[in-house]
C-alpha atoms as a PDB file:
ATOM      1  CA  UNK A   1      80.361  72.575 132.159  1.00  0.00           C
ATOM      2  CA  UNK A   2      84.057  73.416 131.797  1.00  0.00           C
ATOM      3  CA  UNK A   3      87.211  72.228 130.161  1.00  0.00           C
ATOM      4  CA  UNK A   4      90.889  72.607 130.889  1.00  0.00           C
ATOM      5  CA  UNK A   5      92.551  74.849 128.291  1.00  0.00           C
ATOM      6  CA  UNK A   6      96.228  75.495 128.909  1.00  0.00           C
ATOM      7  CA  UNK A   7      96.508  76.931 132.405  1.00  0.00           C
ATOM      8  CA  UNK A   8      92.944  78.118 132.386  1.00  0.00           C
ATOM      9  CA  UNK A   9      89.525  76.545 132.782  1.00  0.00           C
ATOM     10  CA  UNK A  10      86.928  77.693 130.267  1.00  0.00           C
ATOM     11  CA  UNK A  11      83.227  76.933 129.433  1.00  0.00           C
ATOM     12  CA  UNK A  12      82.834  74.090 126.954  1.00  0.00           C
ATOM     13  CA  UNK A  13      80.334  76.308 125.189  1.00  0.00           C
ATOM     14  CA  UNK A  14      82.138  79.401 123.726  1.00  0.00           C
ATOM     15  CA  UNK A  15      80.332  82.487 122.264  1.00  0.00           C
ATOM     16  CA  UNK A  16      80.818  82.719 118.534  1.00  0.00           C
ATOM     17  CA  UNK A  17      81.185  86.050 116.731  1.00  0.00           C
ATOM     18  CA  UNK A  18      79.895  85.667 113.208  1.00  0.00           C
ATOM     19  CA  UNK A  19      76.325  86.803 113.742  1.00  0.00           C
ATOM     20  CA  UNK A  20      77.468  89.871 115.700  1.00  0.00           C
ATOM     21  CA  UNK A  21      79.058  91.377 112.555  1.00  0.00           C
ATOM     22  CA  UNK A  22      76.817  89.962 109.831  1.00  0.00           C
ATOM     23  CA  UNK A  23      78.843  86.966 108.787  1.00  0.00           C
ATOM     24  CA  UNK A  24      75.638  84.825 108.217  1.00  0.00           C
ATOM     25  CA  UNK A  25      77.234  82.212 105.899  1.00  0.00           C
ATOM     26  CA  UNK A  26      73.655  81.793 104.550  1.00  0.00           C
ATOM     27  CA  UNK A  27      72.720  84.560 102.141  1.00  0.00           C
ATOM     28  CA  UNK A  28      73.169  88.371 101.868  1.00  0.00           C
ATOM     29  CA  UNK A  29      69.756  89.122 103.297  1.00  0.00           C
ATOM     30  CA  UNK A  30      70.260  87.361 106.607  1.00  0.00           C
ATOM     31  CA  UNK A  31      73.713  89.013 106.821  1.00  0.00           C
ATOM     32  CA  UNK A  32      72.097  92.405 106.364  1.00  0.00           C
ATOM     33  CA  UNK A  33      69.486  91.640 109.052  1.00  0.00           C
ATOM     34  CA  UNK A  34      72.155  90.538 111.450  1.00  0.00           C
ATOM     35  CA  UNK A  35      74.098  93.763 111.008  1.00  0.00           C
ATOM     36  CA  UNK A  36      71.030  95.823 111.463  1.00  0.00           C
ATOM     37  CA  UNK A  37      70.025  93.974 114.682  1.00  0.00           C
ATOM     38  CA  UNK A  38      73.450  93.886 116.285  1.00  0.00           C
ATOM     39  CA  UNK A  39      74.000  97.458 117.474  1.00  0.00           C
ATOM     40  CA  UNK A  40      76.941  97.981 119.892  1.00  0.00           C
ATOM     41  CA  UNK A  41      74.287  97.830 122.663  1.00  0.00           C
ATOM     42  CA  UNK A  42      73.031  94.452 121.601  1.00  0.00           C
ATOM     43  CA  UNK A  43      76.502  93.009 121.074  1.00  0.00           C
ATOM     44  CA  UNK A  44      77.239  93.939 124.749  1.00  0.00           C
ATOM     45  CA  UNK A  45      73.859  92.766 125.959  1.00  0.00           C
ATOM     46  CA  UNK A  46      74.592  89.307 124.384  1.00  0.00           C
ATOM     47  CA  UNK A  47      78.023  89.036 125.955  1.00  0.00           C
ATOM     48  CA  UNK A  48      76.636  90.058 129.371  1.00  0.00           C
ATOM     49  CA  UNK A  49      73.886  87.458 129.092  1.00  0.00           C
ATOM     50  CA  UNK A  50      76.578  84.791 128.161  1.00  0.00           C
ATOM     51  CA  UNK A  51      78.267  85.777 131.432  1.00  0.00           C
ATOM     52  CA  UNK A  52      75.077  85.296 133.407  1.00  0.00           C
ATOM     53  CA  UNK A  53      74.667  81.784 131.969  1.00  0.00           C
ATOM     54  CA  UNK A  54      78.187  80.705 132.599  1.00  0.00           C
ATOM     55  CA  UNK A  55      79.677  81.213 129.136  1.00  0.00           C
ATOM     56  CA  UNK A  56      82.948  82.822 130.010  1.00  0.00           C
ATOM     57  CA  UNK A  57      84.887  82.659 126.683  1.00  0.00           C
ATOM     58  CA  UNK A  58      84.426  84.598 123.501  1.00  0.00           C
ATOM     59  CA  UNK A  59      85.688  83.753 119.959  1.00  0.00           C
ATOM     60  CA  UNK A  60      86.847  87.266 118.970  1.00  0.00           C
ATOM     61  CA  UNK A  61      87.138  88.315 115.353  1.00  0.00           C
ATOM     62  CA  UNK A  62      88.817  91.689 114.521  1.00  0.00           C
ATOM     63  CA  UNK A  63      85.900  93.048 112.595  1.00  0.00           C
ATOM     64  CA  UNK A  64      85.755  96.879 112.008  1.00  0.00           C
ATOM     65  CA  UNK A  65      83.713  97.582 115.115  1.00  0.00           C
ATOM     66  CA  UNK A  66      84.838  94.628 117.301  1.00  0.00           C
ATOM     67  CA  UNK A  67      87.436  96.629 119.357  1.00  0.00           C
ATOM     68  CA  UNK A  68      85.070  99.408 120.355  1.00  0.00           C
ATOM     69  CA  UNK A  69      82.398  96.861 121.249  1.00  0.00           C
ATOM     70  CA  UNK A  70      84.843  94.877 123.362  1.00  0.00           C
ATOM     71  CA  UNK A  71      86.069  97.971 125.200  1.00  0.00           C
ATOM     72  CA  UNK A  72      82.481  99.052 125.880  1.00  0.00           C
ATOM     73  CA  UNK A  73      81.687  95.630 127.256  1.00  0.00           C
ATOM     74  CA  UNK A  74      84.682  95.757 129.574  1.00  0.00           C
ATOM     75  CA  UNK A  75      83.813  99.277 130.688  1.00  0.00           C
ATOM     76  CA  UNK A  76      80.379  97.927 131.693  1.00  0.00           C
ATOM     77  CA  UNK A  77      82.008  95.297 133.952  1.00  0.00           C
ATOM     78  CA  UNK A  78      81.966  92.416 131.551  1.00  0.00           C
ATOM     79  CA  UNK A  79      84.668  89.792 131.565  1.00  0.00           C
ATOM     80  CA  UNK A  80      85.485  87.107 129.018  1.00  0.00           C
ATOM     81  CA  UNK A  81      88.487  85.015 128.124  1.00  0.00           C
ATOM     82  CA  UNK A  82      89.346  85.526 124.498  1.00  0.00           C
ATOM     83  CA  UNK A  83      90.184  82.986 121.817  1.00  0.00           C
ATOM     84  CA  UNK A  84      91.076  85.223 118.850  1.00  0.00           C
ATOM     85  CA  UNK A  85      90.847  84.475 115.116  1.00  0.00           C
ATOM     86  CA  UNK A  86      94.156  85.447 113.778  1.00  0.00           C
ATOM     87  CA  UNK A  87      93.959  87.826 110.869  1.00  0.00           C
ATOM     88  CA  UNK A  88      95.448  91.158 109.980  1.00  0.00           C
ATOM     89  CA  UNK A  89      98.174  92.542 112.334  1.00  0.00           C
ATOM     90  CA  UNK A  90      98.215  89.609 114.878  1.00  0.00           C
ATOM     91  CA  UNK A  91     101.120  90.989 116.818  1.00  0.00           C
ATOM     92  CA  UNK A  92      99.116  94.081 117.540  1.00  0.00           C
ATOM     93  CA  UNK A  93      96.058  92.012 118.302  1.00  0.00           C
ATOM     94  CA  UNK A  94      97.848  90.000 120.928  1.00  0.00           C
ATOM     95  CA  UNK A  95      99.481  93.072 122.451  1.00  0.00           C
ATOM     96  CA  UNK A  96      96.274  94.917 122.588  1.00  0.00           C
ATOM     97  CA  UNK A  97      93.807  92.250 123.702  1.00  0.00           C
ATOM     98  CA  UNK A  98      96.132  89.995 125.723  1.00  0.00           C
ATOM     99  CA  UNK A  99      94.029  86.932 124.737  1.00  0.00           C
ATOM    100  CA  UNK A 100      94.198  83.490 126.129  1.00  0.00           C
ATOM    101  CA  UNK A 101      94.819  82.040 122.647  1.00  0.00           C
ATOM    102  CA  UNK A 102      94.967  83.020 118.999  1.00  0.00           C
ATOM    103  CA  UNK A 103      94.629  80.702 115.941  1.00  0.00           C
ATOM    104  CA  UNK A 104      95.400  81.107 112.226  1.00  0.00           C
ATOM    105  CA  UNK A 105      92.106  82.036 110.566  1.00  0.00           C
ATOM    106  CA  UNK A 106      90.415  79.077 109.018  1.00  0.00           C
ATOM    107  CA  UNK A 107      89.686  80.233 105.503  1.00  0.00           C
ATOM    108  CA  UNK A 108      93.208  81.692 105.170  1.00  0.00           C
ATOM    109  CA  UNK A 109      94.724  78.434 106.440  1.00  0.00           C
ATOM    110  CA  UNK A 110      92.585  76.383 103.891  1.00  0.00           C
ATOM    111  CA  UNK A 111      93.853  78.639 101.157  1.00  0.00           C
ATOM    112  CA  UNK A 112      97.509  78.177 102.223  1.00  0.00           C
ATOM    113  CA  UNK A 113      96.899  74.386 102.398  1.00  0.00           C
ATOM    114  CA  UNK A 114      95.405  74.218  98.981  1.00  0.00           C
ATOM    115  CA  UNK A 115      98.315  76.199  97.513  1.00  0.00           C
ATOM    116  CA  UNK A 116     100.970  74.074  99.177  1.00  0.00           C
ATOM    117  CA  UNK A 117     102.113  76.882 101.517  1.00  0.00           C
ATOM    118  CA  UNK A 118     101.898  75.215 104.986  1.00  0.00           C
ATOM    119  CA  UNK A 119     105.148  76.820 105.914  1.00  0.00           C
ATOM    120  CA  UNK A 120     103.439  80.155 105.937  1.00  0.00           C
ATOM    121  CA  UNK A 121     101.119  78.895 108.702  1.00  0.00           C
ATOM    122  CA  UNK A 122     103.923  77.217 110.556  1.00  0.00           C
ATOM    123  CA  UNK A 123     106.070  80.416 110.608  1.00  0.00           C
ATOM    124  CA  UNK A 124     103.058  82.362 111.869  1.00  0.00           C
ATOM    125  CA  UNK A 125     102.588  79.901 114.739  1.00  0.00           C
ATOM    126  CA  UNK A 126     106.116  80.314 115.711  1.00  0.00           C
ATOM    127  CA  UNK A 127     105.771  84.101 115.761  1.00  0.00           C
ATOM    128  CA  UNK A 128     102.742  83.916 117.907  1.00  0.00           C
ATOM    129  CA  UNK A 129     104.417  81.418 120.304  1.00  0.00           C
ATOM    130  CA  UNK A 130     107.109  84.053 120.824  1.00  0.00           C
ATOM    131  CA  UNK A 131     104.454  86.443 122.149  1.00  0.00           C
ATOM    132  CA  UNK A 132     103.602  84.038 125.014  1.00  0.00           C
ATOM    133  CA  UNK A 133     100.090  83.155 123.858  1.00  0.00           C
ATOM    134  CA  UNK A 134      98.467  79.787 123.214  1.00  0.00           C
ATOM    135  CA  UNK A 135      98.612  79.033 119.482  1.00  0.00           C
ATOM    136  CA  UNK A 136      96.268  77.080 117.231  1.00  0.00           C
ATOM    137  CA  UNK A 137      95.260  76.402 113.670  1.00  0.00           C
ATOM    138  CA  UNK A 138      91.741  76.961 112.292  1.00  0.00           C
ATOM    139  CA  UNK A 139      90.349  75.133 109.280  1.00  0.00           C
ATOM    140  CA  UNK A 140      87.336  73.756 107.435  1.00  0.00           C
ATOM    141  CA  UNK A 141      89.408  70.834 106.139  1.00  0.00           C
ATOM    142  CA  UNK A 142      89.966  67.777 108.419  1.00  0.00           C
ATOM    143  CA  UNK A 143      92.956  66.851 106.181  1.00  0.00           C
ATOM    144  CA  UNK A 144      94.704  69.986 107.338  1.00  0.00           C
ATOM    145  CA  UNK A 145      94.503  69.022 110.979  1.00  0.00           C
ATOM    146  CA  UNK A 146      95.753  65.575 110.149  1.00  0.00           C
ATOM    147  CA  UNK A 147      98.697  66.923 108.231  1.00  0.00           C
ATOM    148  CA  UNK A 148      99.718  69.381 110.950  1.00  0.00           C
ATOM    149  CA  UNK A 149      99.500  66.528 113.523  1.00  0.00           C
ATOM    150  CA  UNK A 150     101.540  64.207 111.362  1.00  0.00           C
ATOM    151  CA  UNK A 151     104.332  66.929 111.242  1.00  0.00           C
ATOM    152  CA  UNK A 152     104.127  67.365 115.043  1.00  0.00           C
ATOM    153  CA  UNK A 153     103.885  71.168 114.915  1.00  0.00           C
ATOM    154  CA  UNK A 154     104.295  73.206 118.072  1.00  0.00           C
ATOM    155  CA  UNK A 155     100.614  74.185 118.429  1.00  0.00           C
ATOM    156  CA  UNK A 156      98.284  73.968 121.364  1.00  0.00           C
ATOM    157  CA  UNK A 157      94.867  73.434 119.786  1.00  0.00           C
ATOM    158  CA  UNK A 158      92.682  73.337 116.608  1.00  0.00           C
ATOM    159  CA  UNK A 159      89.421  75.057 115.600  1.00  0.00           C
ATOM    160  CA  UNK A 160      87.558  73.072 112.991  1.00  0.00           C
ATOM    161  CA  UNK A 161      84.413  73.790 111.040  1.00  0.00           C
ATOM    162  CA  UNK A 162      82.482  70.473 110.982  1.00  0.00           C
ATOM    163  CA  UNK A 163      81.362  71.214 107.423  1.00  0.00           C
ATOM    164  CA  UNK A 164      84.004  71.286 104.690  1.00  0.00           C
ATOM    165  CA  UNK A 165      82.672  74.508 103.210  1.00  0.00           C
ATOM    166  CA  UNK A 166      85.832  75.543 101.412  1.00  0.00           C
ATOM    167  CA  UNK A 167      85.953  72.890  98.811  1.00  0.00           C
ATOM    168  CA  UNK A 168      87.396  74.151  95.562  1.00  0.00           C
ATOM    169  CA  UNK A 169      85.387  74.555  92.342  1.00  0.00           C
ATOM    170  CA  UNK A 170      87.112  71.464  90.930  1.00  0.00           C
ATOM    171  CA  UNK A 171      86.115  69.409  93.964  1.00  0.00           C
ATOM    172  CA  UNK A 172      82.471  70.379  93.588  1.00  0.00           C
ATOM    173  CA  UNK A 173      82.482  69.689  89.844  1.00  0.00           C
ATOM    174  CA  UNK A 174      83.768  66.122  90.613  1.00  0.00           C
ATOM    175  CA  UNK A 175      80.796  65.712  93.119  1.00  0.00           C
ATOM    176  CA  UNK A 176      78.282  67.249  90.895  1.00  0.00           C
ATOM    177  CA  UNK A 177      79.169  65.686  87.462  1.00  0.00           C
ATOM    178  CA  UNK A 178      80.814  68.871  86.156  1.00  0.00           C
ATOM    179  CA  UNK A 179      78.176  71.306  87.507  1.00  0.00           C
ATOM    180  CA  UNK A 180      79.083  74.107  89.846  1.00  0.00           C
ATOM    181  CA  UNK A 181      76.390  75.233  92.479  1.00  0.00           C
ATOM    182  CA  UNK A 182      75.570  78.751  93.353  1.00  0.00           C
ATOM    183  CA  UNK A 183      77.523  79.998  96.466  1.00  0.00           C
ATOM    184  CA  UNK A 184      79.922  76.981  96.316  1.00  0.00           C
ATOM    185  CA  UNK A 185      81.600  78.071  99.544  1.00  0.00           C
ATOM    186  CA  UNK A 186      78.284  77.773 101.422  1.00  0.00           C
ATOM    187  CA  UNK A 187      77.324  74.238 100.565  1.00  0.00           C
ATOM    188  CA  UNK A 188      76.988  71.949 103.595  1.00  0.00           C
ATOM    189  CA  UNK A 189      77.074  68.121 103.153  1.00  0.00           C
ATOM    190  CA  UNK A 190      75.413  65.968 105.847  1.00  0.00           C
ATOM    191  CA  UNK A 191      78.433  63.503 105.827  1.00  0.00           C
ATOM    192  CA  UNK A 192      81.021  66.194 106.640  1.00  0.00           C
ATOM    193  CA  UNK A 193      80.640  66.478 110.468  1.00  0.00           C
ATOM    194  CA  UNK A 194      81.631  62.819 111.157  1.00  0.00           C
ATOM    195  CA  UNK A 195      84.814  63.321 109.078  1.00  0.00           C
ATOM    196  CA  UNK A 196      85.880  66.349 111.179  1.00  0.00           C
ATOM    197  CA  UNK A 197      84.865  64.811 114.466  1.00  0.00           C
ATOM    198  CA  UNK A 198      87.063  61.729 113.677  1.00  0.00           C
ATOM    199  CA  UNK A 199      90.154  63.924 113.190  1.00  0.00           C
ATOM    200  CA  UNK A 200      89.453  65.820 116.339  1.00  0.00           C
ATOM    201  CA  UNK A 201      89.182  62.654 118.449  1.00  0.00           C
ATOM    202  CA  UNK A 202      92.466  61.398 116.993  1.00  0.00           C
ATOM    203  CA  UNK A 203      94.492  64.235 118.492  1.00  0.00           C
ATOM    204  CA  UNK A 204      95.019  64.671 122.283  1.00  0.00           C
ATOM    205  CA  UNK A 205      95.107  68.440 121.757  1.00  0.00           C
ATOM    206  CA  UNK A 206      91.957  70.468 122.568  1.00  0.00           C
ATOM    207  CA  UNK A 207      89.714  71.156 119.641  1.00  0.00           C
ATOM    208  CA  UNK A 208      86.892  73.532 119.124  1.00  0.00           C
ATOM    209  CA  UNK A 209      84.105  72.472 116.721  1.00  0.00           C
ATOM    210  CA  UNK A 210      82.250  75.278 115.001  1.00  0.00           C
ATOM    211  CA  UNK A 211      79.186  75.529 112.640  1.00  0.00           C
ATOM    212  CA  UNK A 212      77.700  72.435 114.290  1.00  0.00           C
ATOM    213  CA  UNK A 213      74.313  73.870 113.220  1.00  0.00           C
ATOM    214  CA  UNK A 214      75.406  74.346 109.613  1.00  0.00           C
ATOM    215  CA  UNK A 215      75.061  78.115 109.940  1.00  0.00           C
ATOM    216  CA  UNK A 216      71.362  77.731 110.602  1.00  0.00           C
ATOM    217  CA  UNK A 217      70.649  75.024 108.008  1.00  0.00           C
ATOM    218  CA  UNK A 218      70.255  72.284 110.589  1.00  0.00           C
ATOM    219  CA  UNK A 219      66.694  72.329 112.020  1.00  0.00           C
ATOM    220  CA  UNK A 220      67.156  69.864 114.912  1.00  0.00           C
ATOM    221  CA  UNK A 221      69.342  71.774 117.294  1.00  0.00           C
ATOM    222  CA  UNK A 222      68.986  69.179 120.063  1.00  0.00           C
ATOM    223  CA  UNK A 223      70.430  66.494 117.734  1.00  0.00           C
ATOM    224  CA  UNK A 224      73.252  68.779 116.456  1.00  0.00           C
ATOM    225  CA  UNK A 225      74.382  69.574 119.972  1.00  0.00           C
ATOM    226  CA  UNK A 226      74.143  66.027 121.101  1.00  0.00           C
ATOM    227  CA  UNK A 227      76.132  64.805 118.087  1.00  0.00           C
ATOM    228  CA  UNK A 228      78.789  67.421 118.664  1.00  0.00           C
ATOM    229  CA  UNK A 229      79.406  66.713 122.367  1.00  0.00           C
ATOM    230  CA  UNK A 230      79.165  62.974 121.945  1.00  0.00           C
ATOM    231  CA  UNK A 231      81.655  63.086 119.068  1.00  0.00           C
ATOM    232  CA  UNK A 232      84.342  65.261 120.665  1.00  0.00           C
ATOM    233  CA  UNK A 233      86.721  64.650 123.522  1.00  0.00           C
ATOM    234  CA  UNK A 234      86.098  65.792 127.151  1.00  0.00           C
ATOM    235  CA  UNK A 235      88.805  68.469 126.650  1.00  0.00           C
ATOM    236  CA  UNK A 236      87.149  69.901 123.542  1.00  0.00           C
ATOM    237  CA  UNK A 237      84.579  72.639 123.148  1.00  0.00           C
ATOM    238  CA  UNK A 238      82.123  74.254 120.674  1.00  0.00           C
ATOM    239  CA  UNK A 239      82.039  77.780 119.268  1.00  0.00           C
ATOM    240  CA  UNK A 240      78.409  78.765 118.701  1.00  0.00           C
ATOM    241  CA  UNK A 241      77.082  81.932 117.114  1.00  0.00           C
ATOM    242  CA  UNK A 242      73.818  83.231 118.561  1.00  0.00           C
ATOM    243  CA  UNK A 243      71.208  85.508 117.035  1.00  0.00           C
ATOM    244  CA  UNK A 244      68.463  86.004 119.744  1.00  0.00           C
ATOM    245  CA  UNK A 245      66.124  88.093 117.641  1.00  0.00           C
ATOM    246  CA  UNK A 246      63.335  85.513 117.667  1.00  0.00           C
ATOM    247  CA  UNK A 247      64.090  83.490 120.817  1.00  0.00           C
ATOM    248  CA  UNK A 248      66.567  83.481 123.752  1.00  0.00           C
ATOM    249  CA  UNK A 249      69.308  81.417 122.209  1.00  0.00           C
ATOM    250  CA  UNK A 250      71.747  82.114 125.006  1.00  0.00           C
ATOM    251  CA  UNK A 251      69.517  80.522 127.633  1.00  0.00           C
ATOM    252  CA  UNK A 252      68.400  77.746 125.266  1.00  0.00           C
ATOM    253  CA  UNK A 253      71.966  76.742 124.255  1.00  0.00           C
ATOM    254  CA  UNK A 254      73.341  77.071 127.753  1.00  0.00           C
ATOM    255  CA  UNK A 255      70.646  74.944 129.254  1.00  0.00           C
ATOM    256  CA  UNK A 256      70.852  72.381 126.480  1.00  0.00           C
ATOM    257  CA  UNK A 257      74.722  71.876 126.932  1.00  0.00           C
ATOM    258  CA  UNK A 258      74.321  71.754 130.723  1.00  0.00           C
ATOM    259  CA  UNK A 259      71.586  69.015 130.315  1.00  0.00           C
ATOM    260  CA  UNK A 260      73.580  67.073 127.766  1.00  0.00           C
ATOM    261  CA  UNK A 261      76.826  67.011 129.615  1.00  0.00           C
ATOM    262  CA  UNK A 262      75.274  66.536 133.093  1.00  0.00           C
ATOM    263  CA  UNK A 263      73.495  63.435 131.838  1.00  0.00           C
ATOM    264  CA  UNK A 264      76.842  62.006 130.767  1.00  0.00           C
ATOM    265  CA  UNK A 265      78.734  62.733 134.030  1.00  0.00           C
END
């Protein structure tokens, strides 16, 4: 199943990048296992398999080895449209990769929002617009999307984590009666997805939901995918990270999305 995105048509399921470079968002052990598993050969193998199952778009993150893996994939005949997480030298990223789109990295955006520096994000978006690429804002905070929308920024899309995992220490202390949990940036509340989905539905702009599985915490994948696609708009998509060490997640996720969306057609 595909969606219109700017002048392009892309798959509504987009290959995520976190597992490929050990960003487990679970614990240090799983992150290390992911880094050990994902050799350059296996990164390319995953992207090729995504191609075979109709996933034609990749959420690229400029990790240390990402460029060489991407060039190897291309040299092997692989083709993907790129939606890039904008961090580091983004002008160079756009010039080098020629992506379909780029967005302000979510954790960085949340930090600017919390510190009252939305103008920093807005100026970045203007700079990227000048490079002739689609421009978006990433976040883990539904309030940030609502604020950008209320100010009518010149952006094309949003990428939103359905779990508000960047709550501040003070926010957690209010929730937990003064206590602070271990790994406070990796706590996932069951009520969060509905809040992010509500904001995504409220904007006509395309949105990409991510971490719909709570970075592996959600055990019922079928329900998580069903909730995601029933909660977002027809012109929205999902970024999904895949770690096929135990089972064929590319096939499983592709067939699940095809089944869910075909049944709604």
